[in-house]
Amino acid sequence: MWDVMLSRLRMILGGEEESTDDADEADLALACLLMEAAAADGRIAETERKMIATLLVRRGQTPEEAARLMRRAEELVSD
């Protein structure tokens, strides 16, 4: 799973074109990476959650989609 996420992040950072489905996967990978980093101290602060959600919205997600991706990322990180 992490290999796929890292591949998607490379795509984001490299500025490659993304299809809509790939963009959702890339945003999920980005959210997971940031959630994992935020949870390094054992918890994820509300300000960290807001920052990640804001980043997803700036990448083109609606607030509702950003919230959905955040929930999914939190599930994946907690596994």
PDB file of N, CA and C in Angstrom:
ATOM      1  N   MET A   1       0.821  -1.184   0.000  1.00  0.00           N
ATOM      2  CA  MET A   1       0.000   0.000   0.000  1.00  0.00           C
ATOM      3  C   MET A   1       0.869   1.254   0.000  1.00  0.00           C
ATOM      4  N   TRP A   2       1.910   1.288   0.809  1.00  0.00           N
ATOM      5  CA  TRP A   2       2.756   2.478   0.877  1.00  0.00           C
ATOM      6  C   TRP A   2       3.482   2.727  -0.438  1.00  0.00           C
ATOM      7  N   ASP A   3       3.824   1.663  -1.182  1.00  0.00           N
ATOM      8  CA  ASP A   3       4.470   1.843  -2.484  1.00  0.00           C
ATOM      9  C   ASP A   3       3.565   2.613  -3.432  1.00  0.00           C
ATOM     10  N   VAL A   4       2.288   2.260  -3.433  1.00  0.00           N
ATOM     11  CA  VAL A   4       1.325   2.954  -4.292  1.00  0.00           C
ATOM     12  C   VAL A   4       1.202   4.407  -3.858  1.00  0.00           C
ATOM     13  N   MET A   5       1.130   4.638  -2.553  1.00  0.00           N
ATOM     14  CA  MET A   5       1.008   6.009  -2.056  1.00  0.00           C
ATOM     15  C   MET A   5       2.223   6.840  -2.443  1.00  0.00           C
ATOM     16  N   LEU A   6       3.407   6.269  -2.288  1.00  0.00           N
ATOM     17  CA  LEU A   6       4.614   7.007  -2.651  1.00  0.00           C
ATOM     18  C   LEU A   6       4.664   7.284  -4.149  1.00  0.00           C
ATOM     19  N   SER A   7       4.210   6.346  -4.940  1.00  0.00           N
ATOM     20  CA  SER A   7       4.153   6.552  -6.386  1.00  0.00           C
ATOM     21  C   SER A   7       3.223   7.714  -6.726  1.00  0.00           C
ATOM     22  N   ARG A   8       2.078   7.758  -6.071  1.00  0.00           N
ATOM     23  CA  ARG A   8       1.122   8.851  -6.303  1.00  0.00           C
ATOM     24  C   ARG A   8       1.710  10.189  -5.859  1.00  0.00           C
ATOM     25  N   LEU A   9       2.434  10.192  -4.759  1.00  0.00           N
ATOM     26  CA  LEU A   9       3.048  11.430  -4.292  1.00  0.00           C
ATOM     27  C   LEU A   9       4.116  11.906  -5.271  1.00  0.00           C
ATOM     28  N   ARG A  10       4.875  10.982  -5.822  1.00  0.00           N
ATOM     29  CA  ARG A  10       5.864  11.360  -6.834  1.00  0.00           C
ATOM     30  C   ARG A  10       5.166  12.006  -8.031  1.00  0.00           C
ATOM     31  N   MET A  11       4.010  11.472  -8.398  1.00  0.00           N
ATOM     32  CA  MET A  11       3.236  12.012  -9.507  1.00  0.00           C
ATOM     33  C   MET A  11       2.807  13.448  -9.180  1.00  0.00           C
ATOM     34  N   ILE A  12       2.332  13.672  -7.957  1.00  0.00           N
ATOM     35  CA  ILE A  12       1.914  15.016  -7.546  1.00  0.00           C
ATOM     36  C   ILE A  12       3.097  15.974  -7.617  1.00  0.00           C
ATOM     37  N   LEU A  13       4.196  15.572  -7.004  1.00  0.00           N
ATOM     38  CA  LEU A  13       5.365  16.444  -6.927  1.00  0.00           C
ATOM     39  C   LEU A  13       6.004  16.668  -8.287  1.00  0.00           C
ATOM     40  N   GLY A  14       5.882  15.672  -9.165  1.00  0.00           N
ATOM     41  CA  GLY A  14       6.441  15.801 -10.506  1.00  0.00           C
ATOM     42  C   GLY A  14       5.575  16.606 -11.449  1.00  0.00           C
ATOM     43  N   GLY A  15       4.364  16.938 -11.026  1.00  0.00           N
ATOM     44  CA  GLY A  15       3.462  17.739 -11.845  1.00  0.00           C
ATOM     45  C   GLY A  15       2.850  16.986 -13.009  1.00  0.00           C
ATOM     46  N   GLU A  16       2.838  15.657 -12.931  1.00  0.00           N
ATOM     47  CA  GLU A  16       2.258  14.868 -14.012  1.00  0.00           C
ATOM     48  C   GLU A  16       0.745  15.046 -14.035  1.00  0.00           C
ATOM     49  N   GLU A  17       0.166  14.884 -15.223  1.00  0.00           N
ATOM     50  CA  GLU A  17      -1.286  14.951 -15.368  1.00  0.00           C
ATOM     51  C   GLU A  17      -1.934  13.803 -14.608  1.00  0.00           C
ATOM     52  N   GLU A  18      -3.061  14.080 -14.006  1.00  0.00           N
ATOM     53  CA  GLU A  18      -3.791  13.067 -13.254  1.00  0.00           C
ATOM     54  C   GLU A  18      -5.211  12.981 -13.791  1.00  0.00           C
ATOM     55  N   SER A  19      -5.728  11.767 -13.951  1.00  0.00           N
ATOM     56  CA  SER A  19      -7.148  11.624 -14.247  1.00  0.00           C
ATOM     57  C   SER A  19      -7.900  11.879 -12.948  1.00  0.00           C
ATOM     58  N   THR A  20      -9.209  12.000 -13.011  1.00  0.00           N
ATOM     59  CA  THR A  20      -9.995  12.260 -11.802  1.00  0.00           C
ATOM     60  C   THR A  20      -9.815  11.160 -10.772  1.00  0.00           C
ATOM     61  N   ASP A  21      -9.858   9.897 -11.220  1.00  0.00           N
ATOM     62  CA  ASP A  21      -9.675   8.784 -10.282  1.00  0.00           C
ATOM     63  C   ASP A  21      -8.286   8.803  -9.673  1.00  0.00           C
ATOM     64  N   ASP A  22      -7.267   9.067 -10.504  1.00  0.00           N
ATOM     65  CA  ASP A  22      -5.903   9.136  -9.997  1.00  0.00           C
ATOM     66  C   ASP A  22      -5.742  10.292  -9.018  1.00  0.00           C
ATOM     67  N   ALA A  23      -6.432  11.398  -9.284  1.00  0.00           N
ATOM     68  CA  ALA A  23      -6.342  12.550  -8.387  1.00  0.00           C
ATOM     69  C   ALA A  23      -6.885  12.194  -7.012  1.00  0.00           C
ATOM     70  N   ASP A  24      -8.007  11.465  -6.961  1.00  0.00           N
ATOM     71  CA  ASP A  24      -8.544  11.038  -5.667  1.00  0.00           C
ATOM     72  C   ASP A  24      -7.567  10.115  -4.951  1.00  0.00           C
ATOM     73  N   GLU A  25      -6.963   9.187  -5.687  1.00  0.00           N
ATOM     74  CA  GLU A  25      -5.986   8.281  -5.086  1.00  0.00           C
ATOM     75  C   GLU A  25      -4.765   9.049  -4.608  1.00  0.00           C
ATOM     76  N   ALA A  26      -4.320  10.012  -5.406  1.00  0.00           N
ATOM     77  CA  ALA A  26      -3.166  10.815  -5.019  1.00  0.00           C
ATOM     78  C   ALA A  26      -3.484  11.647  -3.782  1.00  0.00           C
ATOM     79  N   ASP A  27      -4.679  12.220  -3.735  1.00  0.00           N
ATOM     80  CA  ASP A  27      -5.069  13.007  -2.568  1.00  0.00           C
ATOM     81  C   ASP A  27      -5.189  12.127  -1.332  1.00  0.00           C
ATOM     82  N   LEU A  28      -5.691  10.911  -1.496  1.00  0.00           N
ATOM     83  CA  LEU A  28      -5.765   9.981  -0.371  1.00  0.00           C
ATOM     84  C   LEU A  28      -4.361   9.629   0.107  1.00  0.00           C
ATOM     85  N   ALA A  29      -3.451   9.396  -0.820  1.00  0.00           N
ATOM     86  CA  ALA A  29      -2.066   9.091  -0.451  1.00  0.00           C
ATOM     87  C   ALA A  29      -1.443  10.260   0.300  1.00  0.00           C
ATOM     88  N   LEU A  30      -1.680  11.461  -0.182  1.00  0.00           N
ATOM     89  CA  LEU A  30      -1.159  12.652   0.476  1.00  0.00           C
ATOM     90  C   LEU A  30      -1.741  12.794   1.879  1.00  0.00           C
ATOM     91  N   ALA A  31      -3.046  12.606   2.003  1.00  0.00           N
ATOM     92  CA  ALA A  31      -3.696  12.700   3.314  1.00  0.00           C
ATOM     93  C   ALA A  31      -3.148  11.641   4.269  1.00  0.00           C
ATOM     94  N   CYS A  32      -2.948  10.426   3.772  1.00  0.00           N
ATOM     95  CA  CYS A  32      -2.403   9.354   4.627  1.00  0.00           C
ATOM     96  C   CYS A  32      -1.008   9.703   5.121  1.00  0.00           C
ATOM     97  N   LEU A  33      -0.176  10.187   4.222  1.00  0.00           N
ATOM     98  CA  LEU A  33       1.184  10.550   4.608  1.00  0.00           C
ATOM     99  C   LEU A  33       1.178  11.642   5.671  1.00  0.00           C
ATOM    100  N   LEU A  34       0.360  12.660   5.457  1.00  0.00           N
ATOM    101  CA  LEU A  34       0.293  13.756   6.424  1.00  0.00           C
ATOM    102  C   LEU A  34      -0.327  13.308   7.746  1.00  0.00           C
ATOM    103  N   MET A  35      -1.328  12.429   7.689  1.00  0.00           N
ATOM    104  CA  MET A  35      -1.939  11.912   8.922  1.00  0.00           C
ATOM    105  C   MET A  35      -0.924  11.074   9.698  1.00  0.00           C
ATOM    106  N   GLU A  36      -0.157  10.272   8.978  1.00  0.00           N
ATOM    107  CA  GLU A  36       0.872   9.449   9.617  1.00  0.00           C
ATOM    108  C   GLU A  36       1.893  10.342  10.322  1.00  0.00           C
ATOM    109  N   ALA A  37       2.319  11.395   9.655  1.00  0.00           N
ATOM    110  CA  ALA A  37       3.273  12.322  10.262  1.00  0.00           C
ATOM    111  C   ALA A  37       2.654  13.035  11.459  1.00  0.00           C
ATOM    112  N   ALA A  38       1.405  13.444  11.326  1.00  0.00           N
ATOM    113  CA  ALA A  38       0.727  14.142  12.422  1.00  0.00           C
ATOM    114  C   ALA A  38       0.537  13.235  13.628  1.00  0.00           C
ATOM    115  N   ALA A  39       0.370  11.943  13.384  1.00  0.00           N
ATOM    116  CA  ALA A  39       0.132  10.990  14.475  1.00  0.00           C
ATOM    117  C   ALA A  39       1.423  10.502  15.125  1.00  0.00           C
ATOM    118  N   ALA A  40       2.555  11.017  14.701  1.00  0.00           N
ATOM    119  CA  ALA A  40       3.840  10.552  15.228  1.00  0.00           C
ATOM    120  C   ALA A  40       3.943  10.727  16.741  1.00  0.00           C
ATOM    121  N   ASP A  41       3.262  11.723  17.276  1.00  0.00           N
ATOM    122  CA  ASP A  41       3.303  11.936  18.729  1.00  0.00           C
ATOM    123  C   ASP A  41       2.176  11.194  19.448  1.00  0.00           C
ATOM    124  N   GLY A  42       1.469  10.332  18.718  1.00  0.00           N
ATOM    125  CA  GLY A  42       0.429   9.515  19.334  1.00  0.00           C
ATOM    126  C   GLY A  42      -0.984  10.030  19.162  1.00  0.00           C
ATOM    127  N   ARG A  43      -1.137  11.218  18.622  1.00  0.00           N
ATOM    128  CA  ARG A  43      -2.479  11.759  18.411  1.00  0.00           C
ATOM    129  C   ARG A  43      -2.438  12.742  17.251  1.00  0.00           C
ATOM    130  N   ILE A  44      -3.597  13.045  16.725  1.00  0.00           N
ATOM    131  CA  ILE A  44      -3.695  14.023  15.643  1.00  0.00           C
ATOM    132  C   ILE A  44      -4.514  15.198  16.169  1.00  0.00           C
ATOM    133  N   ALA A  45      -3.889  16.356  16.254  1.00  0.00           N
ATOM    134  CA  ALA A  45      -4.561  17.549  16.772  1.00  0.00           C
ATOM    135  C   ALA A  45      -5.583  18.062  15.761  1.00  0.00           C
ATOM    136  N   GLU A  46      -6.588  18.735  16.253  1.00  0.00           N
ATOM    137  CA  GLU A  46      -7.632  19.288  15.384  1.00  0.00           C
ATOM    138  C   GLU A  46      -7.037  20.283  14.386  1.00  0.00           C
ATOM    139  N   THR A  47      -6.042  21.057  14.801  1.00  0.00           N
ATOM    140  CA  THR A  47      -5.412  22.000  13.871  1.00  0.00           C
ATOM    141  C   THR A  47      -4.711  21.263  12.732  1.00  0.00           C
ATOM    142  N   GLU A  48      -4.139  20.101  13.027  1.00  0.00           N
ATOM    143  CA  GLU A  48      -3.499  19.301  11.979  1.00  0.00           C
ATOM    144  C   GLU A  48      -4.544  18.758  11.011  1.00  0.00           C
ATOM    145  N   ARG A  49      -5.668  18.316  11.540  1.00  0.00           N
ATOM    146  CA  ARG A  49      -6.761  17.835  10.680  1.00  0.00           C
ATOM    147  C   ARG A  49      -7.250  18.949   9.747  1.00  0.00           C
ATOM    148  N   LYS A  50      -7.428  20.142  10.304  1.00  0.00           N
ATOM    149  CA  LYS A  50      -7.902  21.276   9.502  1.00  0.00           C
ATOM    150  C   LYS A  50      -6.898  21.642   8.415  1.00  0.00           C
ATOM    151  N   MET A  51      -5.610  21.582   8.747  1.00  0.00           N
ATOM    152  CA  MET A  51      -4.574  21.907   7.777  1.00  0.00           C
ATOM    153  C   MET A  51      -4.582  20.913   6.618  1.00  0.00           C
ATOM    154  N   ILE A  52      -4.714  19.633   6.922  1.00  0.00           N
ATOM    155  CA  ILE A  52      -4.740  18.603   5.881  1.00  0.00           C
ATOM    156  C   ILE A  52      -5.993  18.757   5.019  1.00  0.00           C
ATOM    157  N   ALA A  53      -7.139  18.992   5.642  1.00  0.00           N
ATOM    158  CA  ALA A  53      -8.387  19.183   4.892  1.00  0.00           C
ATOM    159  C   ALA A  53      -8.293  20.411   3.985  1.00  0.00           C
ATOM    160  N   THR A  54      -7.707  21.484   4.482  1.00  0.00           N
ATOM    161  CA  THR A  54      -7.534  22.698   3.682  1.00  0.00           C
ATOM    162  C   THR A  54      -6.648  22.427   2.476  1.00  0.00           C
ATOM    163  N   LEU A  55      -5.597  21.669   2.676  1.00  0.00           N
ATOM    164  CA  LEU A  55      -4.714  21.308   1.565  1.00  0.00           C
ATOM    165  C   LEU A  55      -5.472  20.523   0.495  1.00  0.00           C
ATOM    166  N   LEU A  56      -6.310  19.582   0.927  1.00  0.00           N
ATOM    167  CA  LEU A  56      -7.098  18.795  -0.029  1.00  0.00           C
ATOM    168  C   LEU A  56      -8.067  19.680  -0.811  1.00  0.00           C
ATOM    169  N   VAL A  57      -8.686  20.638  -0.136  1.00  0.00           N
ATOM    170  CA  VAL A  57      -9.605  21.563  -0.814  1.00  0.00           C
ATOM    171  C   VAL A  57      -8.826  22.416  -1.822  1.00  0.00           C
ATOM    172  N   ARG A  58      -7.653  22.863  -1.449  1.00  0.00           N
ATOM    173  CA  ARG A  58      -6.838  23.660  -2.373  1.00  0.00           C
ATOM    174  C   ARG A  58      -6.386  22.848  -3.580  1.00  0.00           C
ATOM    175  N   ARG A  59      -6.314  21.535  -3.413  1.00  0.00           N
ATOM    176  CA  ARG A  59      -5.964  20.661  -4.543  1.00  0.00           C
ATOM    177  C   ARG A  59      -7.169  20.379  -5.429  1.00  0.00           C
ATOM    178  N   GLY A  60      -8.355  20.906  -5.061  1.00  0.00           N
ATOM    179  CA  GLY A  60      -9.520  20.775  -5.927  1.00  0.00           C
ATOM    180  C   GLY A  60     -10.651  19.925  -5.383  1.00  0.00           C
ATOM    181  N   GLN A  61     -10.487  19.349  -4.204  1.00  0.00           N
ATOM    182  CA  GLN A  61     -11.566  18.557  -3.608  1.00  0.00           C
ATOM    183  C   GLN A  61     -12.614  19.500  -3.015  1.00  0.00           C
ATOM    184  N   THR A  62     -13.864  19.063  -3.015  1.00  0.00           N
ATOM    185  CA  THR A  62     -14.889  19.822  -2.298  1.00  0.00           C
ATOM    186  C   THR A  62     -14.670  19.588  -0.804  1.00  0.00           C
ATOM    187  N   PRO A  63     -15.205  20.443   0.053  1.00  0.00           N
ATOM    188  CA  PRO A  63     -15.062  20.196   1.490  1.00  0.00           C
ATOM    189  C   PRO A  63     -15.615  18.831   1.909  1.00  0.00           C
ATOM    190  N   GLU A  64     -16.697  18.402   1.268  1.00  0.00           N
ATOM    191  CA  GLU A  64     -17.282  17.098   1.598  1.00  0.00           C
ATOM    192  C   GLU A  64     -16.347  15.960   1.190  1.00  0.00           C
ATOM    193  N   GLU A  65     -15.773  16.068  -0.008  1.00  0.00           N
ATOM    194  CA  GLU A  65     -14.828  15.053  -0.475  1.00  0.00           C
ATOM    195  C   GLU A  65     -13.573  15.049   0.392  1.00  0.00           C
ATOM    196  N   ALA A  66     -13.117  16.233   0.781  1.00  0.00           N
ATOM    197  CA  ALA A  66     -11.944  16.317   1.658  1.00  0.00           C
ATOM    198  C   ALA A  66     -12.229  15.614   2.981  1.00  0.00           C
ATOM    199  N   ALA A  67     -13.423  15.814   3.522  1.00  0.00           N
ATOM    200  CA  ALA A  67     -13.796  15.149   4.779  1.00  0.00           C
ATOM    201  C   ALA A  67     -13.836  13.638   4.599  1.00  0.00           C
ATOM    202  N   ARG A  68     -14.364  13.179   3.453  1.00  0.00           N
ATOM    203  CA  ARG A  68     -14.410  11.739   3.174  1.00  0.00           C
ATOM    204  C   ARG A  68     -12.999  11.160   3.068  1.00  0.00           C
ATOM    205  N   LEU A  69     -12.129  11.861   2.357  1.00  0.00           N
ATOM    206  CA  LEU A  69     -10.747  11.400   2.223  1.00  0.00           C
ATOM    207  C   LEU A  69     -10.033  11.399   3.571  1.00  0.00           C
ATOM    208  N   MET A  70     -10.329  12.390   4.394  1.00  0.00           N
ATOM    209  CA  MET A  70      -9.723  12.453   5.735  1.00  0.00           C
ATOM    210  C   MET A  70     -10.149  11.248   6.570  1.00  0.00           C
ATOM    211  N   ARG A  71     -11.438  10.920   6.528  1.00  0.00           N
ATOM    212  CA  ARG A  71     -11.913   9.752   7.286  1.00  0.00           C
ATOM    213  C   ARG A  71     -11.235   8.479   6.800  1.00  0.00           C
ATOM    214  N   ARG A  72     -11.144   8.333   5.481  1.00  0.00           N
ATOM    215  CA  ARG A  72     -10.512   7.138   4.908  1.00  0.00           C
ATOM    216  C   ARG A  72      -9.028   7.085   5.274  1.00  0.00           C
ATOM    217  N   ALA A  73      -8.352   8.213   5.203  1.00  0.00           N
ATOM    218  CA  ALA A  73      -6.925   8.263   5.554  1.00  0.00           C
ATOM    219  C   ALA A  73      -6.720   7.895   7.016  1.00  0.00           C
ATOM    220  N   GLU A  74      -7.589   8.401   7.870  1.00  0.00           N
ATOM    221  CA  GLU A  74      -7.469   8.089   9.298  1.00  0.00           C
ATOM    222  C   GLU A  74      -7.658   6.592   9.545  1.00  0.00           C
ATOM    223  N   GLU A  75      -8.601   5.978   8.815  1.00  0.00           N
ATOM    224  CA  GLU A  75      -8.806   4.528   8.933  1.00  0.00           C
ATOM    225  C   GLU A  75      -7.559   3.766   8.494  1.00  0.00           C
ATOM    226  N   LEU A  76      -6.986   4.172   7.368  1.00  0.00           N
ATOM    227  CA  LEU A  76      -5.814   3.480   6.841  1.00  0.00           C
ATOM    228  C   LEU A  76      -4.603   3.635   7.751  1.00  0.00           C
ATOM    229  N   VAL A  77      -4.425   4.830   8.291  1.00  0.00           N
ATOM    230  CA  VAL A  77      -3.276   5.091   9.161  1.00  0.00           C
ATOM    231  C   VAL A  77      -3.404   4.342  10.476  1.00  0.00           C
ATOM    232  N   SER A  78      -4.628   4.199  10.972  1.00  0.00           N
ATOM    233  CA  SER A  78      -4.817   3.542  12.273  1.00  0.00           C
ATOM    234  C   SER A  78      -4.714   2.023  12.187  1.00  0.00           C
ATOM    235  N   ASP A  79      -4.746   1.455  10.971  1.00  0.00           N
ATOM    236  CA  ASP A  79      -4.643  -0.008  10.812  1.00  0.00           C
ATOM    237  C   ASP A  79      -3.268  -0.533  11.131  1.00  0.00           C
TER     238      ASP A  79
END
